[in-house]
Structure formats: C-alpha cells, structure tokens
Amino acid sequence: NVEWQAHLAGSAETCDDDVDIHPQGLSSAELATT
C-alpha cells in the first residue's frame, strides 16, 4: 500500500489532465517524505 496526496497543477491554459503524486507512506519500506 502507498498512501499519497494528489496535486492537480496548472492554469486553464496548461491543464494536462495529470495528477502529481506526493507519497506520504509506504507499507513495505521506510519513506522519508519532503
């Protein structure tokens, strides 16, 4: 399991239907987030 927060970036002129993934937790290893 990966826990993360979604970020939809850009203004209307640059919308690209993409989601940036900001990982916040991982069940299989140690994750040091920023």
PDB file of all heavy atoms in Angstrom:
ATOM      1  N   ASN A   1       0.837  -1.195   0.000  1.00  0.00           N
ATOM      2  CA  ASN A   1       0.000   0.000   0.000  1.00  0.00           C
ATOM      3  C   ASN A   1       0.872   1.244   0.000  1.00  0.00           C
ATOM      4  O   ASN A   1       1.840   1.329   0.755  1.00  0.00           O
ATOM      5  CB  ASN A   1      -0.914   0.038   1.229  1.00  0.00           C
ATOM      6  CG  ASN A   1      -1.998  -1.004   1.147  1.00  0.00           C
ATOM      7  OD1 ASN A   1      -2.581  -1.232   0.101  1.00  0.00           O
ATOM      8  ND2 ASN A   1      -2.257  -1.658   2.252  1.00  0.00           N
ATOM      9  N   VAL A   2       0.487   2.201  -0.839  1.00  0.00           N
ATOM     10  CA  VAL A   2       1.143   3.505  -0.893  1.00  0.00           C
ATOM     11  C   VAL A   2       0.084   4.550  -0.552  1.00  0.00           C
ATOM     12  O   VAL A   2      -0.982   4.574  -1.165  1.00  0.00           O
ATOM     13  CB  VAL A   2       1.706   3.818  -2.304  1.00  0.00           C
ATOM     14  CG1 VAL A   2       2.387   5.168  -2.318  1.00  0.00           C
ATOM     15  CG2 VAL A   2       2.644   2.720  -2.766  1.00  0.00           C
ATOM     16  N   GLU A   3       0.374   5.381   0.431  1.00  0.00           N
ATOM     17  CA  GLU A   3      -0.504   6.499   0.763  1.00  0.00           C
ATOM     18  C   GLU A   3       0.110   7.755   0.173  1.00  0.00           C
ATOM     19  O   GLU A   3       1.316   7.976   0.295  1.00  0.00           O
ATOM     20  CB  GLU A   3      -0.654   6.626   2.276  1.00  0.00           C
ATOM     21  CG  GLU A   3      -1.368   5.447   2.889  1.00  0.00           C
ATOM     22  CD  GLU A   3      -1.459   5.542   4.397  1.00  0.00           C
ATOM     23  OE1 GLU A   3      -1.224   6.635   4.949  1.00  0.00           O
ATOM     24  OE2 GLU A   3      -1.756   4.522   5.013  1.00  0.00           O
ATOM     25  N   TRP A   4      -0.738   8.573  -0.478  1.00  0.00           N
ATOM     26  CA  TRP A   4      -0.221   9.768  -1.128  1.00  0.00           C
ATOM     27  C   TRP A   4      -1.293  10.847  -1.217  1.00  0.00           C
ATOM     28  O   TRP A   4      -2.463  10.592  -1.019  1.00  0.00           O
ATOM     29  CB  TRP A   4       0.347   9.437  -2.497  1.00  0.00           C
ATOM     30  CG  TRP A   4      -0.588   8.712  -3.441  1.00  0.00           C
ATOM     31  CD1 TRP A   4      -0.847   7.380  -3.473  1.00  0.00           C
ATOM     32  CD2 TRP A   4      -1.357   9.288  -4.492  1.00  0.00           C
ATOM     33  NE1 TRP A   4      -1.741   7.083  -4.481  1.00  0.00           N
ATOM     34  CE2 TRP A   4      -2.064   8.246  -5.128  1.00  0.00           C
ATOM     35  CE3 TRP A   4      -1.522  10.584  -4.967  1.00  0.00           C
ATOM     36  CZ2 TRP A   4      -2.911   8.453  -6.200  1.00  0.00           C
ATOM     37  CZ3 TRP A   4      -2.371  10.799  -6.048  1.00  0.00           C
ATOM     38  CH2 TRP A   4      -3.048   9.734  -6.653  1.00  0.00           C
ATOM     39  N   GLN A   5      -0.826  12.060  -1.506  1.00  0.00           N
ATOM     40  CA  GLN A   5      -1.725  13.202  -1.695  1.00  0.00           C
ATOM     41  C   GLN A   5      -1.658  13.620  -3.160  1.00  0.00           C
ATOM     42  O   GLN A   5      -0.586  13.642  -3.766  1.00  0.00           O
ATOM     43  CB  GLN A   5      -1.304  14.363  -0.805  1.00  0.00           C
ATOM     44  CG  GLN A   5      -2.235  15.550  -0.912  1.00  0.00           C
ATOM     45  CD  GLN A   5      -1.800  16.686  -0.006  1.00  0.00           C
ATOM     46  OE1 GLN A   5      -0.650  16.812   0.349  1.00  0.00           O
ATOM     47  NE2 GLN A   5      -2.745  17.537   0.339  1.00  0.00           N
ATOM     48  N   ALA A   6      -2.817  13.954  -3.718  1.00  0.00           N
ATOM     49  CA  ALA A   6      -2.913  14.337  -5.124  1.00  0.00           C
ATOM     50  C   ALA A   6      -2.715  15.840  -5.304  1.00  0.00           C
ATOM     51  O   ALA A   6      -3.155  16.635  -4.477  1.00  0.00           O
ATOM     52  CB  ALA A   6      -4.278  13.941  -5.683  1.00  0.00           C
ATOM     53  N   HIS A   7      -2.075  16.188  -6.385  1.00  0.00           N
ATOM     54  CA  HIS A   7      -1.906  17.597  -6.747  1.00  0.00           C
ATOM     55  C   HIS A   7      -2.208  17.744  -8.237  1.00  0.00           C
ATOM     56  O   HIS A   7      -1.586  17.086  -9.072  1.00  0.00           O
ATOM     57  CB  HIS A   7      -0.477  18.040  -6.452  1.00  0.00           C
ATOM     58  CG  HIS A   7      -0.202  19.461  -6.813  1.00  0.00           C
ATOM     59  ND1 HIS A   7      -0.922  20.529  -6.301  1.00  0.00           N
ATOM     60  CD2 HIS A   7       0.722  19.994  -7.636  1.00  0.00           C
ATOM     61  CE1 HIS A   7      -0.444  21.648  -6.797  1.00  0.00           C
ATOM     62  NE2 HIS A   7       0.547  21.351  -7.615  1.00  0.00           N
ATOM     63  N   LEU A   8      -3.192  18.567  -8.551  1.00  0.00           N
ATOM     64  CA  LEU A   8      -3.546  18.869  -9.942  1.00  0.00           C
ATOM     65  C   LEU A   8      -2.981  20.249 -10.224  1.00  0.00           C
ATOM     66  O   LEU A   8      -3.429  21.229  -9.648  1.00  0.00           O
ATOM     67  CB  LEU A   8      -5.064  18.864 -10.133  1.00  0.00           C
ATOM     68  CG  LEU A   8      -5.818  17.657  -9.570  1.00  0.00           C
ATOM     69  CD1 LEU A   8      -7.313  17.807  -9.819  1.00  0.00           C
ATOM     70  CD2 LEU A   8      -5.299  16.371 -10.144  1.00  0.00           C
ATOM     71  N   ALA A   9      -1.983  20.334 -11.074  1.00  0.00           N
ATOM     72  CA  ALA A   9      -1.268  21.592 -11.277  1.00  0.00           C
ATOM     73  C   ALA A   9      -1.697  22.292 -12.551  1.00  0.00           C
ATOM     74  O   ALA A   9      -2.244  21.690 -13.454  1.00  0.00           O
ATOM     75  CB  ALA A   9       0.234  21.331 -11.328  1.00  0.00           C
ATOM     76  N   GLY A  10      -1.380  23.575 -12.620  1.00  0.00           N
ATOM     77  CA  GLY A  10      -1.552  24.332 -13.845  1.00  0.00           C
ATOM     78  C   GLY A  10      -2.738  25.265 -13.828  1.00  0.00           C
ATOM     79  O   GLY A  10      -3.586  25.226 -12.956  1.00  0.00           O
ATOM     80  N   SER A  11      -2.759  26.134 -14.812  1.00  0.00           N
ATOM     81  CA  SER A  11      -3.894  27.019 -15.033  1.00  0.00           C
ATOM     82  C   SER A  11      -4.656  26.462 -16.231  1.00  0.00           C
ATOM     83  O   SER A  11      -4.215  25.516 -16.862  1.00  0.00           O
ATOM     84  CB  SER A  11      -3.402  28.439 -15.316  1.00  0.00           C
ATOM     85  OG  SER A  11      -2.660  28.446 -16.518  1.00  0.00           O
ATOM     86  N   ALA A  12      -5.758  27.057 -16.550  1.00  0.00           N
ATOM     87  CA  ALA A  12      -6.596  26.530 -17.634  1.00  0.00           C
ATOM     88  C   ALA A  12      -5.842  26.432 -18.952  1.00  0.00           C
ATOM     89  O   ALA A  12      -6.096  25.554 -19.748  1.00  0.00           O
ATOM     90  CB  ALA A  12      -7.847  27.384 -17.796  1.00  0.00           C
ATOM     91  N   GLU A  13      -4.893  27.315 -19.175  1.00  0.00           N
ATOM     92  CA  GLU A  13      -4.147  27.264 -20.435  1.00  0.00           C
ATOM     93  C   GLU A  13      -3.155  26.120 -20.478  1.00  0.00           C
ATOM     94  O   GLU A  13      -2.692  25.728 -21.542  1.00  0.00           O
ATOM     95  CB  GLU A  13      -3.424  28.593 -20.676  1.00  0.00           C
ATOM     96  CG  GLU A  13      -2.358  28.868 -19.636  1.00  0.00           C
ATOM     97  CD  GLU A  13      -1.944  30.314 -19.563  1.00  0.00           C
ATOM     98  OE1 GLU A  13      -2.822  31.173 -19.483  1.00  0.00           O
ATOM     99  OE2 GLU A  13      -0.740  30.555 -19.598  1.00  0.00           O
ATOM    100  N   THR A  14      -2.793  25.557 -19.316  1.00  0.00           N
ATOM    101  CA  THR A  14      -1.814  24.473 -19.295  1.00  0.00           C
ATOM    102  C   THR A  14      -2.356  23.195 -18.685  1.00  0.00           C
ATOM    103  O   THR A  14      -1.599  22.291 -18.390  1.00  0.00           O
ATOM    104  CB  THR A  14      -0.558  24.890 -18.499  1.00  0.00           C
ATOM    105  OG1 THR A  14      -0.944  25.168 -17.151  1.00  0.00           O
ATOM    106  CG2 THR A  14       0.137  26.074 -19.120  1.00  0.00           C
ATOM    107  N   CYS A  15      -3.657  23.086 -18.485  1.00  0.00           N
ATOM    108  CA  CYS A  15      -4.235  21.871 -17.904  1.00  0.00           C
ATOM    109  C   CYS A  15      -3.875  20.688 -18.788  1.00  0.00           C
ATOM    110  O   CYS A  15      -4.038  20.739 -20.003  1.00  0.00           O
ATOM    111  CB  CYS A  15      -5.755  21.982 -17.817  1.00  0.00           C
ATOM    112  SG  CYS A  15      -6.323  23.201 -16.624  1.00  0.00           S
ATOM    113  N   ASP A  16      -3.371  19.638 -18.167  1.00  0.00           N
ATOM    114  CA  ASP A  16      -2.958  18.497 -18.971  1.00  0.00           C
ATOM    115  C   ASP A  16      -3.512  17.170 -18.462  1.00  0.00           C
ATOM    116  O   ASP A  16      -3.025  16.115 -18.812  1.00  0.00           O
ATOM    117  CB  ASP A  16      -1.438  18.430 -19.070  1.00  0.00           C
ATOM    118  CG  ASP A  16      -0.767  18.311 -17.712  1.00  0.00           C
ATOM    119  OD1 ASP A  16      -1.476  18.265 -16.696  1.00  0.00           O
ATOM    120  OD2 ASP A  16       0.464  18.251 -17.680  1.00  0.00           O
ATOM    121  N   ASP A  17      -4.567  17.220 -17.637  1.00  0.00           N
ATOM    122  CA  ASP A  17      -5.199  16.000 -17.121  1.00  0.00           C
ATOM    123  C   ASP A  17      -4.185  15.041 -16.511  1.00  0.00           C
ATOM    124  O   ASP A  17      -4.152  13.866 -16.823  1.00  0.00           O
ATOM    125  CB  ASP A  17      -5.999  15.289 -18.218  1.00  0.00           C
ATOM    126  CG  ASP A  17      -7.268  16.021 -18.555  1.00  0.00           C
ATOM    127  OD1 ASP A  17      -7.684  16.876 -17.764  1.00  0.00           O
ATOM    128  OD2 ASP A  17      -7.842  15.732 -19.617  1.00  0.00           O
ATOM    129  N   ASP A  18      -3.329  15.562 -15.646  1.00  0.00           N
ATOM    130  CA  ASP A  18      -2.344  14.740 -14.996  1.00  0.00           C
ATOM    131  C   ASP A  18      -2.430  14.963 -13.495  1.00  0.00           C
ATOM    132  O   ASP A  18      -2.871  16.010 -13.032  1.00  0.00           O
ATOM    133  CB  ASP A  18      -0.940  15.075 -15.502  1.00  0.00           C
ATOM    134  CG  ASP A  18       0.039  13.941 -15.290  1.00  0.00           C
ATOM    135  OD1 ASP A  18      -0.389  12.851 -14.876  1.00  0.00           O
ATOM    136  OD2 ASP A  18       1.236  14.140 -15.531  1.00  0.00           O
ATOM    137  N   VAL A  19      -2.012  13.969 -12.745  1.00  0.00           N
ATOM    138  CA  VAL A  19      -2.037  14.027 -11.291  1.00  0.00           C
ATOM    139  C   VAL A  19      -0.612  13.843 -10.793  1.00  0.00           C
ATOM    140  O   VAL A  19       0.031  12.852 -11.118  1.00  0.00           O
ATOM    141  CB  VAL A  19      -2.934  12.908 -10.707  1.00  0.00           C
ATOM    142  CG1 VAL A  19      -2.929  12.955  -9.187  1.00  0.00           C
ATOM    143  CG2 VAL A  19      -4.344  12.998 -11.245  1.00  0.00           C
ATOM    144  N   ASP A  20      -0.124  14.804 -10.019  1.00  0.00           N
ATOM    145  CA  ASP A  20       1.166  14.647  -9.358  1.00  0.00           C
ATOM    146  C   ASP A  20       0.942  13.868  -8.076  1.00  0.00           C
ATOM    147  O   ASP A  20       0.002  14.140  -7.327  1.00  0.00           O
ATOM    148  CB  ASP A  20       1.797  16.004  -9.027  1.00  0.00           C
ATOM    149  CG  ASP A  20       2.261  16.755 -10.264  1.00  0.00           C
ATOM    150  OD1 ASP A  20       2.540  16.109 -11.288  1.00  0.00           O
ATOM    151  OD2 ASP A  20       2.339  17.987 -10.199  1.00  0.00           O
ATOM    152  N   ILE A  21       1.822  12.905  -7.815  1.00  0.00           N
ATOM    153  CA  ILE A  21       1.720  12.045  -6.644  1.00  0.00           C
ATOM    154  C   ILE A  21       2.750  12.493  -5.613  1.00  0.00           C
ATOM    155  O   ILE A  21       3.943  12.524  -5.900  1.00  0.00           O
ATOM    156  CB  ILE A  21       1.961  10.575  -7.040  1.00  0.00           C
ATOM    157  CG1 ILE A  21       0.865  10.104  -7.997  1.00  0.00           C
ATOM    158  CG2 ILE A  21       2.059   9.686  -5.806  1.00  0.00           C
ATOM    159  CD1 ILE A  21       1.109   8.719  -8.570  1.00  0.00           C
ATOM    160  N   HIS A  22       2.283  12.840  -4.418  1.00  0.00           N
ATOM    161  CA  HIS A  22       3.167  13.214  -3.321  1.00  0.00           C
ATOM    162  C   HIS A  22       3.087  12.096  -2.274  1.00  0.00           C
ATOM    163  O   HIS A  22       2.194  12.092  -1.429  1.00  0.00           O
ATOM    164  CB  HIS A  22       2.733  14.555  -2.732  1.00  0.00           C
ATOM    165  CG  HIS A  22       3.700  15.109  -1.761  1.00  0.00           C
ATOM    166  ND1 HIS A  22       3.314  15.619  -0.551  1.00  0.00           N
ATOM    167  CD2 HIS A  22       5.052  15.232  -1.789  1.00  0.00           C
ATOM    168  CE1 HIS A  22       4.364  16.039   0.109  1.00  0.00           C
ATOM    169  NE2 HIS A  22       5.428  15.806  -0.618  1.00  0.00           N
ATOM    170  N   PRO A  23       4.018  11.102  -2.349  1.00  0.00           N
ATOM    171  CA  PRO A  23       3.966   9.965  -1.431  1.00  0.00           C
ATOM    172  C   PRO A  23       4.090  10.405   0.024  1.00  0.00           C
ATOM    173  O   PRO A  23       4.866  11.297   0.354  1.00  0.00           O
ATOM    174  CB  PRO A  23       5.170   9.116  -1.826  1.00  0.00           C
ATOM    175  CG  PRO A  23       5.528   9.556  -3.198  1.00  0.00           C
ATOM    176  CD  PRO A  23       5.134  10.995  -3.275  1.00  0.00           C
ATOM    177  N   GLN A  24       3.315   9.756   0.886  1.00  0.00           N
ATOM    178  CA  GLN A  24       3.351  10.075   2.310  1.00  0.00           C
ATOM    179  C   GLN A  24       3.538   8.847   3.181  1.00  0.00           C
ATOM    180  O   GLN A  24       3.833   8.979   4.362  1.00  0.00           O
ATOM    181  CB  GLN A  24       2.082  10.830   2.701  1.00  0.00           C
ATOM    182  CG  GLN A  24       1.975  12.133   1.965  1.00  0.00           C
ATOM    183  CD  GLN A  24       0.762  12.930   2.349  1.00  0.00           C
ATOM    184  OE1 GLN A  24      -0.268  12.384   2.701  1.00  0.00           O
ATOM    185  NE2 GLN A  24       0.899  14.241   2.296  1.00  0.00           N
ATOM    186  N   GLY A  25       3.375   7.662   2.619  1.00  0.00           N
ATOM    187  CA  GLY A  25       3.555   6.445   3.395  1.00  0.00           C
ATOM    188  C   GLY A  25       3.640   5.236   2.494  1.00  0.00           C
ATOM    189  O   GLY A  25       3.086   5.216   1.402  1.00  0.00           O
ATOM    190  N   LEU A  26       4.380   4.230   2.952  1.00  0.00           N
ATOM    191  CA  LEU A  26       4.597   3.008   2.177  1.00  0.00           C
ATOM    192  C   LEU A  26       4.634   1.844   3.157  1.00  0.00           C
ATOM    193  O   LEU A  26       5.349   1.914   4.166  1.00  0.00           O
ATOM    194  CB  LEU A  26       5.912   3.123   1.405  1.00  0.00           C
ATOM    195  CG  LEU A  26       6.329   1.969   0.526  1.00  0.00           C
ATOM    196  CD1 LEU A  26       5.343   1.778  -0.627  1.00  0.00           C
ATOM    197  CD2 LEU A  26       7.723   2.214  -0.037  1.00  0.00           C
ATOM    198  N   SER A  27       3.885   0.772   2.879  1.00  0.00           N
ATOM    199  CA  SER A  27       3.792  -0.339   3.825  1.00  0.00           C
ATOM    200  C   SER A  27       4.988  -1.276   3.786  1.00  0.00           C
ATOM    201  O   SER A  27       5.153  -2.081   4.694  1.00  0.00           O
ATOM    202  CB  SER A  27       2.503  -1.132   3.577  1.00  0.00           C
ATOM    203  OG  SER A  27       2.541  -1.774   2.317  1.00  0.00           O
ATOM    204  N   SER A  28       5.855  -1.189   2.775  1.00  0.00           N
ATOM    205  CA  SER A  28       6.927  -2.173   2.615  1.00  0.00           C
ATOM    206  C   SER A  28       8.335  -1.658   2.893  1.00  0.00           C
ATOM    207  O   SER A  28       9.280  -2.443   2.896  1.00  0.00           O
ATOM    208  CB  SER A  28       6.884  -2.737   1.197  1.00  0.00           C
ATOM    209  OG  SER A  28       7.124  -1.686   0.279  1.00  0.00           O
ATOM    210  N   ALA A  29       8.508  -0.376   3.071  1.00  0.00           N
ATOM    211  CA  ALA A  29       9.843   0.184   3.288  1.00  0.00           C
ATOM    212  C   ALA A  29       9.702   1.528   3.993  1.00  0.00           C
ATOM    213  O   ALA A  29       8.616   2.085   4.086  1.00  0.00           O
ATOM    214  CB  ALA A  29      10.577   0.362   1.953  1.00  0.00           C
ATOM    215  N   GLU A  30      10.819   2.051   4.465  1.00  0.00           N
ATOM    216  CA  GLU A  30      10.818   3.343   5.155  1.00  0.00           C
ATOM    217  C   GLU A  30      10.884   4.468   4.127  1.00  0.00           C
ATOM    218  O   GLU A  30      11.735   4.467   3.240  1.00  0.00           O
ATOM    219  CB  GLU A  30      12.026   3.426   6.079  1.00  0.00           C
ATOM    220  CG  GLU A  30      12.086   4.692   6.891  1.00  0.00           C
ATOM    221  CD  GLU A  30      13.321   4.728   7.777  1.00  0.00           C
ATOM    222  OE1 GLU A  30      13.798   3.667   8.200  1.00  0.00           O
ATOM    223  OE2 GLU A  30      13.805   5.840   8.020  1.00  0.00           O
ATOM    224  N   LEU A  31       9.988   5.414   4.259  1.00  0.00           N
ATOM    225  CA  LEU A  31       9.897   6.519   3.317  1.00  0.00           C
ATOM    226  C   LEU A  31      10.064   7.833   4.067  1.00  0.00           C
ATOM    227  O   LEU A  31       9.291   8.124   4.981  1.00  0.00           O
ATOM    228  CB  LEU A  31       8.529   6.477   2.615  1.00  0.00           C
ATOM    229  CG  LEU A  31       8.302   7.406   1.453  1.00  0.00           C
ATOM    230  CD1 LEU A  31       9.239   7.074   0.296  1.00  0.00           C
ATOM    231  CD2 LEU A  31       6.857   7.296   0.982  1.00  0.00           C
ATOM    232  N   ALA A  32      11.088   8.602   3.717  1.00  0.00           N
ATOM    233  CA  ALA A  32      11.317   9.923   4.315  1.00  0.00           C
ATOM    234  C   ALA A  32      10.774  10.957   3.346  1.00  0.00           C
ATOM    235  O   ALA A  32      11.383  11.241   2.314  1.00  0.00           O
ATOM    236  CB  ALA A  32      12.800  10.153   4.586  1.00  0.00           C
ATOM    237  N   THR A  33       9.599  11.500   3.646  1.00  0.00           N
ATOM    238  CA  THR A  33       8.944  12.423   2.728  1.00  0.00           C
ATOM    239  C   THR A  33       9.439  13.843   2.933  1.00  0.00           C
ATOM    240  O   THR A  33      10.017  14.181   3.959  1.00  0.00           O
ATOM    241  CB  THR A  33       7.417  12.385   2.907  1.00  0.00           C
ATOM    242  OG1 THR A  33       7.105  12.804   4.229  1.00  0.00           O
ATOM    243  CG2 THR A  33       6.873  10.995   2.663  1.00  0.00           C
ATOM    244  N   THR A  34       9.189  14.654   1.936  1.00  0.00           N
ATOM    245  CA  THR A  34       9.508  16.074   1.986  1.00  0.00           C
ATOM    246  C   THR A  34       8.208  16.858   1.888  1.00  0.00           C
ATOM    247  O   THR A  34       7.192  16.324   1.448  1.00  0.00           O
ATOM    248  CB  THR A  34      10.425  16.491   0.824  1.00  0.00           C
ATOM    249  OG1 THR A  34       9.705  16.326  -0.404  1.00  0.00           O
ATOM    250  CG2 THR A  34      11.692  15.646   0.788  1.00  0.00           C
TER     251      THR A  34
END
